[in-house]
Amino acid sequence: MTKIAIVTDSTAYLTDQQAKDNNITVVPIPVILDGTVYDEGKDITPDEYYAKLKAAKTFPSTSQPPLGEMITLYENLRNEGYTDIISIHLANTISGFQQTLRNTVSEIKGVNITVYDSQITVMLMGWLVLEAARMAREGSTVKDIIARLDDLRSTIDEYFIVNDIQNLVRGGRLSNAAGFVAGMLRIKPLLTFDPDTDKIVAIEKIRSLKRAYARVETLFDEALSNIDYPVRALVIHANDPEEAERWKADLQAKHPDINFEISFFGPVIGTHLGEKAIALAWMKDFTKA
């Protein structure tokens, strides 16, 4: 009898309750700040992280979870009777974690492990994980779950407004950094994941936050006009909950038929986007379509 376990990493930003209720195993991604290693979601909260970041003496960085711990995790799931594991992780273009796992899983006997590239991160990935967990719980096959994830993944879109792209440039996460370093006052770089390469790219420089919001909303409206399915949307913030609430309320008033939620950029992703970054993101509403 097939028994499927769902694994993800902490950049899905699921709540502890969501993980528990859906039998999802969440692997913390380490973030390093002033020489101290913190496991995201375990050793440090987003509020604590951003507070420490303000006083940090060095530029923060991230690393991969210890490989030995991942092997032990997979072996423990096998020993609990799972025949299959679907391990869903942040985009391969922003972390080498997936490749590390792929190079290792063939050595683990007695369980079939599928490492799945979400091609994204944050709660968008979390939604993929929740849908995979629902399907596993209801008895779907690995093949059917992956097909569903592929379909949902193809509908994901997002735009990030950041105050400064220096963090992304330093961390090597911005693929077209040359000529896009926004040092000028009030310039708001607009970023997205390139649909062809799945890399984070800067697409526009906008001269005020107000205009940046308006541009993102225009791009959102254009996207909505070209699709024939309901969407679920997110406002995602890096330690700026009041602004996220304000923008969500504005968007909800303009689009009453769309379900908008608020999520956050935790320490790992916040390290690269910087404090006060904000995003609008969406995908097919997996609860309806």
Protein backbone atom coordinates (compact mmCIF):
# COMPACT_ATOMS: atom_id res chain seq x y z
CA MET A 1 0.00 0.00 0.00
CA THR A 2 1.29 3.44 -1.00
CA LYS A 3 1.86 5.91 1.81
CA ILE A 4 3.14 9.36 0.80
CA ALA A 5 5.00 11.80 3.06
CA ILE A 6 5.23 15.51 2.21
CA VAL A 7 8.40 17.42 3.10
CA THR A 8 9.20 21.10 2.52
CA ASP A 9 11.51 23.77 3.88
CA SER A 10 10.94 26.73 6.15
CA THR A 11 10.74 29.26 3.28
CA ALA A 12 7.22 27.97 2.58
CA TYR A 13 6.32 30.00 5.70
CA LEU A 14 3.59 27.63 6.79
CA THR A 15 2.35 28.06 10.32
CA ASP A 16 3.12 25.33 12.84
CA GLN A 17 -0.59 24.53 12.89
CA GLN A 18 -0.79 24.18 9.11
CA ALA A 19 2.16 21.80 9.14
CA LYS A 20 0.71 19.76 12.01
CA ASP A 21 -2.82 19.59 10.63
CA ASN A 22 -1.59 18.47 7.21
CA ASN A 23 1.17 16.11 8.37
CA ILE A 24 3.86 18.15 6.62
CA THR A 25 7.50 17.90 7.69
CA VAL A 26 9.21 21.30 7.54
CA VAL A 27 13.01 21.47 7.32
CA PRO A 28 14.51 24.72 8.70
CA ILE A 29 16.88 26.66 6.45
CA PRO A 30 19.81 28.20 8.36
CA VAL A 31 20.48 31.94 8.29
CA ILE A 32 23.77 33.35 9.56
CA LEU A 33 23.86 36.74 11.25
CA ASP A 34 27.03 38.13 12.82
CA GLY A 35 28.53 34.65 12.92
CA THR A 36 25.57 33.03 14.69
CA VAL A 37 23.57 30.35 12.86
CA TYR A 38 19.81 30.41 13.36
CA ASP A 39 17.41 27.76 12.04
CA GLU A 40 14.55 29.66 10.46
CA GLY A 41 11.23 29.05 12.17
CA LYS A 42 12.92 27.28 15.05
CA ASP A 43 15.61 29.46 16.65
CA ILE A 44 14.42 32.90 15.58
CA THR A 45 11.14 34.59 14.69
CA PRO A 46 10.83 37.12 11.85
CA ASP A 47 10.40 39.96 14.37
CA GLU A 48 13.54 38.90 16.25
CA TYR A 49 15.48 38.55 13.02
CA TYR A 50 14.63 41.99 11.66
CA ALA A 51 15.43 43.55 15.04
CA LYS A 52 18.86 41.88 15.04
CA LEU A 53 19.38 42.83 11.40
CA LYS A 54 19.17 46.52 12.24
CA ALA A 55 22.14 46.17 14.60
CA ALA A 56 24.10 43.63 12.53
CA LYS A 57 27.78 44.32 11.93
CA THR A 58 28.06 42.03 8.93
CA PHE A 59 25.95 41.20 5.89
CA PRO A 60 23.73 38.18 6.67
CA SER A 61 23.85 34.99 4.64
CA THR A 62 22.05 31.69 4.33
CA SER A 63 23.15 28.09 3.98
CA GLN A 64 21.72 24.65 3.30
CA PRO A 65 20.40 22.31 6.00
CA PRO A 66 23.00 19.69 6.98
CA LEU A 67 22.85 16.82 4.52
CA GLY A 68 23.18 14.24 7.29
CA GLU A 69 20.02 15.56 8.92
CA MET A 70 18.13 15.28 5.63
CA ILE A 71 19.24 11.68 5.16
CA THR A 72 18.14 10.87 8.71
CA LEU A 73 14.79 12.56 8.09
CA TYR A 74 14.13 10.54 4.94
CA GLU A 75 15.22 7.31 6.63
CA ASN A 76 12.96 8.00 9.61
CA LEU A 77 9.99 8.54 7.30
CA ARG A 78 10.79 5.27 5.56
CA ASN A 79 10.96 3.54 8.92
CA GLU A 80 7.54 4.97 9.79
CA GLY A 81 6.11 3.08 6.83
CA TYR A 82 6.13 5.70 4.10
CA THR A 83 6.70 4.22 0.65
CA ASP A 84 7.10 7.57 -1.10
CA ILE A 85 8.33 11.05 -0.17
CA ILE A 86 7.62 14.23 -2.14
CA SER A 87 10.15 16.83 -1.03
CA ILE A 88 9.11 20.31 -2.24
CA HIS A 89 11.68 23.09 -1.97
CA LEU A 90 12.58 26.65 -2.86
CA ALA A 91 13.58 27.43 -6.42
CA ASN A 92 16.69 25.73 -7.71
CA THR A 93 17.76 29.09 -9.16
CA ILE A 94 18.12 30.68 -5.71
CA SER A 95 19.46 27.75 -3.72
CA GLY A 96 21.54 24.66 -4.42
CA PHE A 97 19.60 22.68 -1.82
CA GLN A 98 17.58 20.70 -4.34
CA GLN A 99 20.64 19.63 -6.28
CA THR A 100 22.30 18.49 -3.08
CA LEU A 101 19.25 16.36 -2.32
CA ARG A 102 19.07 14.93 -5.84
CA ASN A 103 22.68 13.86 -5.61
CA THR A 104 21.91 11.93 -2.43
CA VAL A 105 18.41 10.46 -2.52
CA SER A 106 19.33 7.57 -4.82
CA GLU A 107 21.52 6.25 -2.01
CA ILE A 108 18.54 5.93 0.36
CA LYS A 109 17.01 2.51 -0.09
CA GLY A 110 13.50 1.33 0.65
CA VAL A 111 11.63 4.54 -0.16
CA ASN A 112 10.95 6.47 -3.37
CA ILE A 113 11.94 10.14 -3.04
CA THR A 114 10.83 12.83 -5.49
CA VAL A 115 12.61 16.18 -5.10
CA TYR A 116 10.28 18.79 -6.56
CA ASP A 117 11.36 22.24 -7.73
CA SER A 118 8.64 24.71 -6.76
CA GLN A 119 10.43 27.29 -8.97
CA ILE A 120 9.42 29.81 -6.32
CA THR A 121 9.47 30.20 -2.54
CA VAL A 122 7.43 31.85 0.26
CA MET A 123 3.74 31.07 0.76
CA LEU A 124 3.27 30.43 -2.95
CA MET A 125 5.35 27.32 -2.38
CA GLY A 126 3.40 26.79 0.82
CA TRP A 127 0.19 26.58 -1.20
CA LEU A 128 1.73 23.92 -3.44
CA VAL A 129 2.75 21.99 -0.34
CA LEU A 130 -0.71 22.21 1.20
CA GLU A 131 -2.31 20.93 -2.00
CA ALA A 132 0.17 18.05 -2.20
CA ALA A 133 -0.60 17.16 1.41
CA ARG A 134 -4.35 17.19 0.75
CA MET A 135 -3.98 14.91 -2.24
CA ALA A 136 -1.68 12.52 -0.38
CA ARG A 137 -4.18 12.37 2.48
CA GLU A 138 -6.99 11.55 0.03
CA GLY A 139 -5.06 8.72 -1.61
CA SER A 140 -3.75 10.28 -4.83
CA THR A 141 -0.73 8.76 -6.52
CA VAL A 142 2.66 10.47 -6.70
CA LYS A 143 2.16 10.86 -10.46
CA ASP A 144 -1.17 12.64 -9.99
CA ILE A 145 0.21 14.90 -7.25
CA ILE A 146 3.17 15.96 -9.39
CA ALA A 147 0.88 16.63 -12.35
CA ARG A 148 -1.31 18.82 -10.15
CA LEU A 149 1.71 20.70 -8.79
CA ASP A 150 3.01 21.26 -12.31
CA ASP A 151 -0.34 22.72 -13.34
CA LEU A 152 -0.56 25.04 -10.33
CA ARG A 153 3.10 26.06 -10.61
CA SER A 154 2.51 27.18 -14.20
CA THR A 155 -0.06 29.74 -12.99
CA ILE A 156 2.18 31.43 -10.41
CA ASP A 157 3.09 35.08 -10.93
CA GLU A 158 4.51 37.72 -8.64
CA TYR A 159 6.07 41.19 -8.44
CA PHE A 160 8.36 42.39 -5.66
CA ILE A 161 8.93 46.01 -4.72
CA VAL A 162 12.21 46.46 -2.84
CA ASN A 163 13.88 49.48 -1.32
CA ASP A 164 17.37 48.45 -2.34
CA ILE A 165 18.60 45.56 -4.47
CA GLN A 166 22.08 45.60 -2.92
CA ASN A 167 21.21 42.56 -0.79
CA LEU A 168 20.27 40.55 -3.87
CA VAL A 169 23.37 41.73 -5.71
CA ARG A 170 25.69 40.83 -2.83
CA GLY A 171 24.06 37.44 -2.42
CA GLY A 172 24.23 36.68 -6.15
CA ARG A 173 20.48 36.10 -6.40
CA LEU A 174 19.79 38.79 -9.01
CA SER A 175 20.63 37.52 -12.48
CA ASN A 176 20.64 40.88 -14.30
CA ALA A 177 22.28 43.05 -11.66
CA ALA A 178 24.51 44.96 -14.08
CA GLY A 179 23.02 48.37 -14.80
CA PHE A 180 20.21 47.90 -12.33
CA VAL A 181 21.80 48.88 -9.03
CA ALA A 182 19.32 51.42 -7.71
CA GLY A 183 21.42 53.84 -5.73
CA MET A 184 19.29 56.88 -6.47
CA LEU A 185 16.98 58.18 -3.79
CA ARG A 186 13.39 57.00 -4.03
CA ILE A 187 14.04 54.54 -6.86
CA LYS A 188 11.96 51.40 -6.29
CA PRO A 189 13.23 48.42 -8.28
CA LEU A 190 10.48 46.10 -9.47
CA LEU A 191 11.49 42.42 -9.49
CA THR A 192 9.94 39.15 -10.60
CA PHE A 193 10.86 35.55 -11.32
CA ASP A 194 11.62 35.29 -15.03
CA PRO A 195 9.12 32.78 -16.50
CA ASP A 196 11.72 31.27 -18.83
CA THR A 197 14.69 30.94 -16.47
CA ASP A 198 12.97 30.99 -13.03
CA LYS A 199 15.65 33.47 -11.93
CA ILE A 200 14.94 36.67 -10.02
CA VAL A 201 15.23 39.60 -12.41
CA ALA A 202 14.78 43.34 -12.10
CA ILE A 203 12.36 44.56 -14.76
CA GLU A 204 11.78 48.25 -14.04
CA LYS A 205 13.01 51.18 -11.98
CA ILE A 206 10.15 53.24 -10.62
CA ARG A 207 10.60 56.64 -9.00
CA SER A 208 8.20 56.39 -6.09
CA LEU A 209 6.52 53.79 -3.97
CA LYS A 210 3.09 55.03 -5.03
CA ARG A 211 3.96 54.54 -8.70
CA ALA A 212 5.44 51.14 -7.96
CA TYR A 213 2.17 49.99 -6.37
CA ALA A 214 0.20 51.34 -9.33
CA ARG A 215 2.48 49.55 -11.80
CA VAL A 216 2.15 46.23 -10.00
CA GLU A 217 -1.61 46.59 -9.91
CA THR A 218 -1.63 47.30 -13.65
CA LEU A 219 0.42 44.17 -14.30
CA PHE A 220 -1.96 42.22 -12.06
CA ASP A 221 -4.99 43.50 -13.97
CA GLU A 222 -3.35 42.61 -17.28
CA ALA A 223 -2.65 39.10 -16.04
CA LEU A 224 -6.24 38.65 -14.85
CA SER A 225 -7.56 39.67 -18.26
CA ASN A 226 -5.62 36.83 -19.89
CA ILE A 227 -6.70 33.90 -17.70
CA ASP A 228 -9.91 31.89 -17.45
CA TYR A 229 -9.63 30.49 -13.92
CA PRO A 230 -10.11 31.91 -10.42
CA VAL A 231 -6.98 33.09 -8.61
CA ARG A 232 -5.83 33.27 -5.03
CA ALA A 233 -3.60 36.23 -4.16
CA LEU A 234 -1.04 37.18 -1.52
CA VAL A 235 0.38 40.41 -0.21
CA ILE A 236 3.79 39.50 1.21
CA HIS A 237 5.83 41.84 3.40
CA ALA A 238 9.23 42.02 5.05
CA ASN A 239 8.50 43.36 8.53
CA ASP A 240 5.89 45.86 7.40
CA PRO A 241 2.52 44.41 8.47
CA GLU A 242 0.66 47.73 8.57
CA GLU A 243 1.53 48.52 4.96
CA ALA A 244 0.60 44.99 3.92
CA GLU A 245 -2.80 45.35 5.59
CA ARG A 246 -3.34 48.71 3.86
CA TRP A 247 -2.49 47.36 0.42
CA LYS A 248 -4.55 44.21 0.93
CA ALA A 249 -7.61 46.25 1.87
CA ASP A 250 -7.13 48.44 -1.22
CA LEU A 251 -6.73 45.42 -3.50
CA GLN A 252 -9.70 43.63 -1.92
CA ALA A 253 -11.91 46.63 -2.56
CA LYS A 254 -10.87 46.67 -6.22
CA HIS A 255 -11.21 42.90 -6.64
CA PRO A 256 -14.00 41.69 -4.33
CA ASP A 257 -14.20 38.28 -6.02
CA ILE A 258 -10.56 37.40 -5.29
CA ASN A 259 -9.36 35.97 -2.00
CA PHE A 260 -6.37 38.05 -0.79
CA GLU A 261 -4.22 36.86 2.10
CA ILE A 262 -1.22 38.32 3.90
CA SER A 263 2.04 36.46 4.36
CA PHE A 264 5.62 37.46 5.06
CA PHE A 265 9.23 37.21 3.97
CA GLY A 266 10.94 35.42 6.84
CA PRO A 267 14.65 35.58 7.72
CA VAL A 268 15.97 33.52 4.78
CA ILE A 269 14.16 35.37 2.00
CA GLY A 270 14.24 38.67 3.90
CA THR A 271 18.03 38.38 3.94
CA HIS A 272 18.02 38.77 0.17
CA LEU A 273 15.11 41.18 -0.36
CA GLY A 274 15.77 43.46 2.60
CA GLU A 275 13.44 44.92 5.20
CA LYS A 276 10.23 46.65 4.01
CA ALA A 277 10.15 44.74 0.72
CA ILE A 278 6.58 44.01 -0.35
CA ALA A 279 5.05 41.87 -3.06
CA LEU A 280 1.83 40.96 -4.78
CA ALA A 281 1.69 37.32 -5.84
CA TRP A 282 -0.99 35.00 -7.16
CA MET A 283 -1.78 31.60 -8.63
CA LYS A 284 -4.77 29.50 -9.64
CA ASP A 285 -7.09 29.08 -6.67
CA PHE A 286 -6.39 25.44 -5.83
CA THR A 287 -9.52 25.27 -3.65
CA LYS A 288 -11.76 26.01 -6.65
CA ALA A 289 -10.01 24.84 -9.81
